[in-house]
N, C-alpha and C. Protein backbone atom coordinates (compact mmCIF):
# COMPACT_ATOMS: atom_id res chain seq x y z
N MET A 1 -35.64 -9.18 26.82
CA MET A 1 -34.56 -8.24 27.03
C MET A 1 -33.82 -8.03 25.71
N ALA A 2 -33.61 -6.80 25.35
CA ALA A 2 -32.94 -6.46 24.09
C ALA A 2 -31.44 -6.68 24.23
N GLU A 3 -30.86 -7.25 23.18
CA GLU A 3 -29.41 -7.47 23.17
C GLU A 3 -28.71 -6.17 22.83
N GLU A 4 -27.56 -5.95 23.41
CA GLU A 4 -26.81 -4.72 23.17
C GLU A 4 -26.40 -4.65 21.70
N LYS A 5 -26.63 -3.51 21.08
CA LYS A 5 -26.38 -3.33 19.64
C LYS A 5 -24.90 -3.33 19.32
N THR A 6 -24.09 -2.66 20.12
CA THR A 6 -22.68 -2.54 19.80
C THR A 6 -21.83 -3.14 20.90
N SER A 7 -20.65 -3.57 20.50
CA SER A 7 -19.68 -4.10 21.45
C SER A 7 -18.39 -3.33 21.27
N LEU A 8 -17.81 -2.89 22.36
CA LEU A 8 -16.57 -2.13 22.28
C LEU A 8 -15.36 -3.03 22.51
N ASN A 9 -15.53 -4.32 22.34
CA ASN A 9 -14.45 -5.26 22.54
C ASN A 9 -13.55 -5.27 21.30
N PRO A 10 -12.34 -4.71 21.40
CA PRO A 10 -11.45 -4.66 20.23
C PRO A 10 -10.98 -6.05 19.81
N LEU A 11 -10.91 -6.99 20.74
CA LEU A 11 -10.49 -8.35 20.38
C LEU A 11 -11.52 -9.02 19.48
N ARG A 12 -12.77 -8.71 19.69
CA ARG A 12 -13.82 -9.28 18.82
C ARG A 12 -13.66 -8.76 17.39
N ALA A 13 -13.34 -7.48 17.26
CA ALA A 13 -13.14 -6.89 15.94
C ALA A 13 -11.91 -7.49 15.26
N VAL A 14 -10.82 -7.65 16.02
CA VAL A 14 -9.60 -8.24 15.45
C VAL A 14 -9.86 -9.69 15.06
N GLY A 15 -10.57 -10.42 15.89
CA GLY A 15 -10.91 -11.81 15.57
C GLY A 15 -11.75 -11.92 14.31
N ALA A 16 -12.69 -11.00 14.15
CA ALA A 16 -13.53 -11.01 12.95
C ALA A 16 -12.70 -10.73 11.70
N VAL A 17 -11.77 -9.78 11.82
CA VAL A 17 -10.94 -9.43 10.67
C VAL A 17 -9.97 -10.55 10.33
N LEU A 18 -9.34 -11.15 11.34
CA LEU A 18 -8.40 -12.23 11.07
C LEU A 18 -9.08 -13.44 10.45
N SER A 19 -10.27 -13.77 10.92
CA SER A 19 -10.97 -14.90 10.33
C SER A 19 -11.43 -14.57 8.90
N ALA A 20 -11.73 -13.31 8.65
CA ALA A 20 -12.10 -12.90 7.29
C ALA A 20 -10.87 -12.95 6.37
N PHE A 21 -9.70 -12.53 6.88
CA PHE A 21 -8.48 -12.63 6.09
C PHE A 21 -8.20 -14.08 5.70
N GLY A 22 -8.42 -14.98 6.65
CA GLY A 22 -8.16 -16.39 6.39
C GLY A 22 -9.28 -17.09 5.65
N GLY A 23 -10.43 -16.49 5.59
CA GLY A 23 -11.56 -17.08 4.88
C GLY A 23 -12.22 -18.21 5.65
N ILE A 24 -12.11 -18.20 6.97
CA ILE A 24 -12.67 -19.28 7.77
C ILE A 24 -13.76 -18.76 8.70
N ARG A 25 -14.73 -18.11 8.14
CA ARG A 25 -15.79 -17.48 8.94
C ARG A 25 -17.12 -18.11 8.60
N ARG A 26 -17.88 -18.50 9.62
CA ARG A 26 -19.23 -19.01 9.39
C ARG A 26 -20.15 -17.83 9.13
N GLY A 27 -21.16 -18.05 8.33
CA GLY A 27 -22.10 -16.99 7.99
C GLY A 27 -22.80 -16.40 9.19
N LYS A 28 -23.20 -17.26 10.13
CA LYS A 28 -23.88 -16.78 11.33
C LYS A 28 -22.96 -15.88 12.15
N ASP A 29 -21.71 -16.26 12.30
CA ASP A 29 -20.76 -15.44 13.06
C ASP A 29 -20.52 -14.10 12.37
N SER A 30 -20.45 -14.11 11.06
CA SER A 30 -20.27 -12.85 10.32
C SER A 30 -21.45 -11.91 10.54
N ARG A 31 -22.65 -12.45 10.46
CA ARG A 31 -23.84 -11.63 10.68
C ARG A 31 -23.89 -11.10 12.11
N ASP A 32 -23.50 -11.93 13.08
CA ASP A 32 -23.47 -11.48 14.47
C ASP A 32 -22.47 -10.33 14.65
N ASP A 33 -21.29 -10.47 14.04
CA ASP A 33 -20.29 -9.41 14.16
C ASP A 33 -20.75 -8.12 13.50
N LEU A 34 -21.39 -8.24 12.35
CA LEU A 34 -21.89 -7.04 11.68
C LEU A 34 -22.96 -6.35 12.51
N ALA A 35 -23.73 -7.13 13.25
CA ALA A 35 -24.78 -6.55 14.08
C ALA A 35 -24.22 -5.93 15.35
N LYS A 36 -23.13 -6.46 15.88
CA LYS A 36 -22.62 -6.01 17.18
C LYS A 36 -21.46 -5.03 17.10
N LEU A 37 -20.71 -5.04 16.01
CA LEU A 37 -19.55 -4.17 15.89
C LEU A 37 -19.87 -2.96 15.03
N LYS A 38 -19.26 -1.85 15.38
CA LYS A 38 -19.41 -0.65 14.57
C LYS A 38 -18.47 -0.75 13.37
N PRO A 39 -18.84 -0.16 12.24
CA PRO A 39 -17.99 -0.21 11.06
C PRO A 39 -16.58 0.36 11.31
N ILE A 40 -16.48 1.40 12.12
CA ILE A 40 -15.17 2.00 12.37
C ILE A 40 -14.28 1.01 13.12
N GLN A 41 -14.86 0.19 13.99
CA GLN A 41 -14.07 -0.82 14.70
C GLN A 41 -13.49 -1.83 13.71
N ILE A 42 -14.29 -2.25 12.78
CA ILE A 42 -13.84 -3.24 11.80
C ILE A 42 -12.77 -2.64 10.89
N ILE A 43 -12.98 -1.40 10.47
CA ILE A 43 -12.02 -0.74 9.59
C ILE A 43 -10.68 -0.55 10.30
N LEU A 44 -10.71 -0.08 11.54
CA LEU A 44 -9.46 0.12 12.28
C LEU A 44 -8.74 -1.21 12.54
N ALA A 45 -9.50 -2.24 12.87
CA ALA A 45 -8.89 -3.55 13.09
C ALA A 45 -8.28 -4.09 11.80
N ALA A 46 -8.95 -3.87 10.67
CA ALA A 46 -8.43 -4.34 9.39
C ALA A 46 -7.15 -3.59 9.01
N LEU A 47 -7.13 -2.28 9.24
CA LEU A 47 -5.92 -1.51 8.95
C LEU A 47 -4.76 -1.95 9.83
N LEU A 48 -5.04 -2.18 11.11
CA LEU A 48 -4.00 -2.65 12.03
C LEU A 48 -3.47 -4.02 11.62
N CYS A 49 -4.35 -4.94 11.30
CA CYS A 49 -3.93 -6.28 10.89
C CYS A 49 -3.15 -6.25 9.58
N ALA A 50 -3.58 -5.43 8.65
CA ALA A 50 -2.87 -5.31 7.37
C ALA A 50 -1.48 -4.72 7.58
N ALA A 51 -1.38 -3.70 8.43
CA ALA A 51 -0.08 -3.09 8.70
C ALA A 51 0.86 -4.08 9.38
N LEU A 52 0.35 -4.85 10.33
CA LEU A 52 1.18 -5.86 10.99
C LEU A 52 1.61 -6.95 10.01
N PHE A 53 0.72 -7.36 9.12
CA PHE A 53 1.04 -8.37 8.12
C PHE A 53 2.12 -7.88 7.17
N ILE A 54 1.98 -6.67 6.67
CA ILE A 54 2.97 -6.10 5.76
C ILE A 54 4.30 -5.90 6.47
N GLY A 55 4.26 -5.40 7.71
CA GLY A 55 5.48 -5.24 8.49
C GLY A 55 6.18 -6.57 8.73
N GLY A 56 5.41 -7.59 9.02
CA GLY A 56 5.98 -8.92 9.21
C GLY A 56 6.63 -9.46 7.94
N LEU A 57 5.96 -9.24 6.81
CA LEU A 57 6.53 -9.68 5.54
C LEU A 57 7.81 -8.94 5.21
N LEU A 58 7.82 -7.64 5.43
CA LEU A 58 9.03 -6.85 5.16
C LEU A 58 10.19 -7.30 6.06
N THR A 59 9.89 -7.54 7.32
CA THR A 59 10.92 -8.02 8.25
C THR A 59 11.45 -9.39 7.82
N LEU A 60 10.57 -10.27 7.41
CA LEU A 60 10.96 -11.59 6.95
C LEU A 60 11.84 -11.52 5.72
N VAL A 61 11.45 -10.70 4.75
CA VAL A 61 12.22 -10.57 3.51
C VAL A 61 13.60 -9.95 3.80
N ARG A 62 13.64 -8.95 4.64
CA ARG A 62 14.94 -8.31 4.96
C ARG A 62 15.85 -9.27 5.68
N SER A 63 15.29 -10.10 6.56
CA SER A 63 16.15 -11.04 7.29
C SER A 63 16.64 -12.16 6.37
N ILE A 64 15.84 -12.54 5.39
CA ILE A 64 16.25 -13.60 4.46
C ILE A 64 17.29 -13.07 3.48
N THR A 65 17.11 -11.86 3.00
CA THR A 65 18.00 -11.33 1.96
C THR A 65 19.30 -10.75 2.51
N SER A 66 19.39 -10.55 3.80
CA SER A 66 20.65 -9.98 4.33
C SER A 66 21.62 -11.06 4.75
């Protein structure tokens, strides 16, 4: 039985991006994600995570400096 090529699970894409941001990804898991996720899913998840990270940093800095 052939394994499904793509997965529309957004949590899997976010998990892949967060583990890549942290640098704690096993090679096998990275290859599995690249095989199962579409590039647009990874790009959108990365943009979302980066925006949340920057927003969190800005909020933290504003609360500390005020």
